[in-house]
């Protein structure tokens, strides 16, 4: 113990705390990658053909029949790619806990990606809702009764994207805390 009452390891404790935040950042990025990749793959491979054919007409539902689902797959893939490319910077923050400019860049980019993924997932959720419930005012029937597998799969694909959105929100908060503590 020093004469002013501070312990000798107090600087090391702050460094360990910042390193802990950086490790949590890395873990959250990996979870967000898994969520966004899983969502893109699940939605991008969703299709269902009904077992009956009426005079050369097949009843089929595919994700690419809906432009919103195409947007969702593209946005999820972009966010997944960004998150994968941000991993080296996250590892850099574990090694250099005082890096400020790169943290500011990550806060900015993470916020942009969170907004992009939120827009894509929310629009896809609206279409999934219509598929399940229809809209009697617009004469849009629900399609999930005959296409149950299609609807289950599209609904499930949204879960991963919303998990990724929450992870991105936590990443922005963690980076902000780390940046605040470095001052």
Protein backbone atom coordinates (compact mmCIF):
# COMPACT_ATOMS: atom_id res chain seq x y z
CA UNK A 1 0.00 0.00 0.00
CA UNK A 2 1.27 3.45 -0.92
CA UNK A 3 1.35 6.46 1.43
CA UNK A 4 -1.70 8.10 -0.21
CA UNK A 5 -3.90 5.05 0.52
CA UNK A 6 -4.01 3.71 -3.05
CA UNK A 7 -3.03 0.14 -3.63
CA UNK A 8 -0.24 -0.68 -6.01
CA UNK A 9 -2.49 -2.83 -8.18
CA UNK A 10 -5.25 -0.26 -8.79
CA UNK A 11 -3.93 0.60 -12.26
CA UNK A 12 -3.79 -3.08 -13.10
CA UNK A 13 -7.38 -3.55 -11.93
CA UNK A 14 -8.57 -0.82 -14.31
CA UNK A 15 -6.65 -2.46 -17.12
CA UNK A 16 -8.18 -5.84 -16.29
CA UNK A 17 -11.65 -4.25 -16.28
CA UNK A 18 -11.05 -2.70 -19.69
CA UNK A 19 -9.66 -6.01 -20.94
CA UNK A 20 -12.77 -7.77 -19.60
CA UNK A 21 -15.00 -5.36 -21.52
CA UNK A 22 -12.94 -6.02 -24.65
CA UNK A 23 -13.25 -9.78 -24.22
CA UNK A 24 -17.02 -9.40 -23.77
CA UNK A 25 -17.02 -7.30 -26.96
CA UNK A 26 -15.39 -10.16 -28.85
CA UNK A 27 -17.87 -12.71 -27.46
CA UNK A 28 -20.87 -10.53 -28.33
CA UNK A 29 -19.54 -10.08 -31.88
CA UNK A 30 -19.25 -13.84 -32.32
CA UNK A 31 -22.81 -14.35 -31.02
CA UNK A 32 -24.07 -11.62 -33.38
CA UNK A 33 -22.25 -13.27 -36.29
CA UNK A 34 -23.92 -16.60 -35.52
CA UNK A 35 -27.34 -14.92 -35.22
CA UNK A 36 -27.12 -12.90 -38.43
CA UNK A 37 -25.55 -15.75 -40.43
CA UNK A 38 -28.14 -18.22 -39.15
CA UNK A 39 -30.93 -15.83 -40.07
CA UNK A 40 -29.61 -15.24 -43.57
CA UNK A 41 -29.13 -18.96 -44.22
CA UNK A 42 -32.48 -19.96 -42.72
CA UNK A 43 -34.41 -17.36 -44.70
CA UNK A 44 -32.37 -17.81 -47.87
CA UNK A 45 -33.08 -21.53 -48.02
CA UNK A 46 -36.78 -21.31 -47.18
CA UNK A 47 -39.19 -22.74 -49.71
CA UNK A 48 -42.14 -25.08 -49.72
CA UNK A 49 -44.08 -26.74 -52.51
CA UNK A 50 -47.50 -28.15 -51.78
CA UNK A 51 -47.89 -31.81 -52.69
CA UNK A 52 -50.66 -31.33 -55.26
CA UNK A 53 -50.48 -29.92 -58.78
CA UNK A 54 -53.47 -28.57 -60.68
CA UNK A 55 -53.07 -28.68 -64.48
CA UNK A 56 -49.41 -27.69 -64.62
CA UNK A 57 -49.77 -25.14 -61.81
CA UNK A 58 -47.67 -25.74 -58.71
CA UNK A 59 -48.42 -24.13 -55.38
CA UNK A 60 -45.05 -22.97 -54.12
CA UNK A 61 -43.72 -20.41 -51.66
CA UNK A 62 -40.08 -19.31 -51.72
CA UNK A 63 -38.31 -16.59 -49.80
CA UNK A 64 -37.41 -14.79 -53.04
CA UNK A 65 -41.11 -14.44 -53.91
CA UNK A 66 -41.07 -11.59 -51.38
CA UNK A 67 -38.78 -8.62 -51.98
CA UNK A 68 -38.75 -7.90 -48.26
CA UNK A 69 -37.31 -11.34 -47.55
CA UNK A 70 -34.65 -10.77 -50.22
CA UNK A 71 -33.76 -7.49 -48.49
CA UNK A 72 -33.64 -9.30 -45.15
CA UNK A 73 -31.19 -11.91 -46.48
CA UNK A 74 -28.96 -9.25 -48.05
CA UNK A 75 -28.98 -7.06 -44.93
CA UNK A 76 -28.27 -10.02 -42.65
CA UNK A 77 -25.36 -11.06 -44.88
CA UNK A 78 -23.95 -7.52 -44.91
CA UNK A 79 -24.15 -7.27 -41.12
CA UNK A 80 -22.59 -10.72 -40.74
CA UNK A 81 -19.74 -9.72 -43.07
CA UNK A 82 -19.18 -6.48 -41.19
CA UNK A 83 -19.12 -8.29 -37.85
CA UNK A 84 -16.61 -10.82 -39.18
CA UNK A 85 -14.41 -8.02 -40.48
CA UNK A 86 -14.62 -6.21 -37.13
CA UNK A 87 -13.25 -9.20 -35.19
CA UNK A 88 -9.57 -8.23 -35.68
CA UNK A 89 -10.31 -4.75 -34.30
CA UNK A 90 -12.08 -6.34 -31.33
CA UNK A 91 -9.02 -8.52 -30.71
CA UNK A 92 -6.84 -5.41 -31.01
CA UNK A 93 -8.87 -3.83 -28.20
CA UNK A 94 -8.12 -6.79 -25.96
CA UNK A 95 -4.41 -6.13 -26.49
CA UNK A 96 -4.62 -2.31 -26.41
CA UNK A 97 -7.37 -1.34 -24.03
CA UNK A 98 -6.70 2.41 -24.36
CA UNK A 99 -7.37 2.61 -28.13
CA UNK A 100 -9.94 5.40 -28.49
CA UNK A 101 -10.22 6.22 -32.19
CA UNK A 102 -10.91 2.64 -33.18
CA UNK A 103 -13.56 2.36 -30.46
CA UNK A 104 -15.27 5.48 -31.76
CA UNK A 105 -15.22 3.97 -35.26
CA UNK A 106 -16.76 0.74 -33.94
CA UNK A 107 -19.48 2.64 -32.07
CA UNK A 108 -20.37 4.47 -35.28
CA UNK A 109 -20.32 1.37 -37.50
CA UNK A 110 -22.06 -0.86 -34.95
CA UNK A 111 -24.84 1.71 -34.66
CA UNK A 112 -25.21 1.84 -38.45
CA UNK A 113 -25.33 -1.94 -38.71
CA UNK A 114 -27.84 -2.15 -35.86
CA UNK A 115 -30.11 0.31 -37.67
CA UNK A 116 -29.73 -1.54 -40.96
CA UNK A 117 -30.48 -4.93 -39.41
CA UNK A 118 -33.39 -3.51 -37.42
CA UNK A 119 -34.92 -2.13 -40.63
CA UNK A 120 -34.49 -5.42 -42.51
CA UNK A 121 -35.72 -7.61 -39.66
CA UNK A 122 -38.69 -5.36 -38.87
CA UNK A 123 -39.86 -5.27 -42.47
CA UNK A 124 -39.52 -9.06 -42.72
CA UNK A 125 -41.43 -9.41 -39.43
CA UNK A 126 -44.27 -7.38 -40.96
CA UNK A 127 -44.49 -9.76 -43.91
CA UNK A 128 -44.34 -12.79 -41.60
CA UNK A 129 -47.19 -11.28 -39.59
CA UNK A 130 -49.26 -10.84 -42.77
CA UNK A 131 -48.44 -14.41 -43.83
CA UNK A 132 -49.74 -15.70 -40.50
CA UNK A 133 -52.77 -13.43 -40.10
CA UNK A 134 -53.53 -11.86 -43.47
CA UNK A 135 -55.34 -8.55 -43.75
CA UNK A 136 -59.07 -8.75 -44.34
CA UNK A 137 -59.33 -5.02 -45.14
CA UNK A 138 -56.93 -5.43 -48.06
CA UNK A 139 -58.29 -8.87 -49.05
CA UNK A 140 -54.95 -10.51 -48.27
CA UNK A 141 -55.53 -14.01 -47.01
CA UNK A 142 -53.18 -15.68 -44.55
CA UNK A 143 -50.96 -18.17 -46.38
CA UNK A 144 -49.63 -20.08 -43.38
CA UNK A 145 -52.40 -22.64 -43.23
CA UNK A 146 -51.26 -24.44 -46.39
CA UNK A 147 -47.60 -23.33 -46.14
CA UNK A 148 -46.91 -24.16 -42.49
CA UNK A 149 -43.25 -25.19 -42.97
CA UNK A 150 -42.53 -22.01 -44.93
CA UNK A 151 -44.08 -19.84 -42.23
CA UNK A 152 -42.36 -21.65 -39.37
CA UNK A 153 -39.00 -21.29 -41.04
CA UNK A 154 -39.42 -17.59 -41.88
CA UNK A 155 -40.57 -16.91 -38.33
CA UNK A 156 -37.60 -18.80 -36.88
CA UNK A 157 -35.14 -16.94 -39.09
CA UNK A 158 -36.23 -13.67 -37.48
CA UNK A 159 -35.14 -14.87 -34.04
CA UNK A 160 -31.45 -14.91 -34.96
CA UNK A 161 -31.61 -11.44 -36.42
CA UNK A 162 -33.28 -9.98 -33.35
CA UNK A 163 -30.64 -11.68 -31.18
CA UNK A 164 -27.99 -10.02 -33.38
CA UNK A 165 -29.74 -6.64 -32.96
CA UNK A 166 -29.62 -7.00 -29.16
CA UNK A 167 -25.93 -7.99 -29.38
CA UNK A 168 -25.20 -4.91 -31.50
CA UNK A 169 -27.00 -2.73 -28.96
CA UNK A 170 -24.90 -4.25 -26.18
CA UNK A 171 -21.75 -3.73 -28.28
CA UNK A 172 -22.52 -0.02 -28.66
CA UNK A 173 -23.12 0.27 -24.91
CA UNK A 174 -19.96 -1.68 -24.04
CA UNK A 175 -17.81 0.37 -26.39
CA UNK A 176 -19.25 3.56 -24.93
CA UNK A 177 -18.48 2.36 -21.40
CA UNK A 178 -14.94 1.37 -22.41
CA UNK A 179 -14.41 4.74 -24.08
CA UNK A 180 -15.72 6.58 -21.03
CA UNK A 181 -13.45 4.59 -18.69
CA UNK A 182 -10.37 5.30 -20.81
CA UNK A 183 -10.66 9.00 -20.05
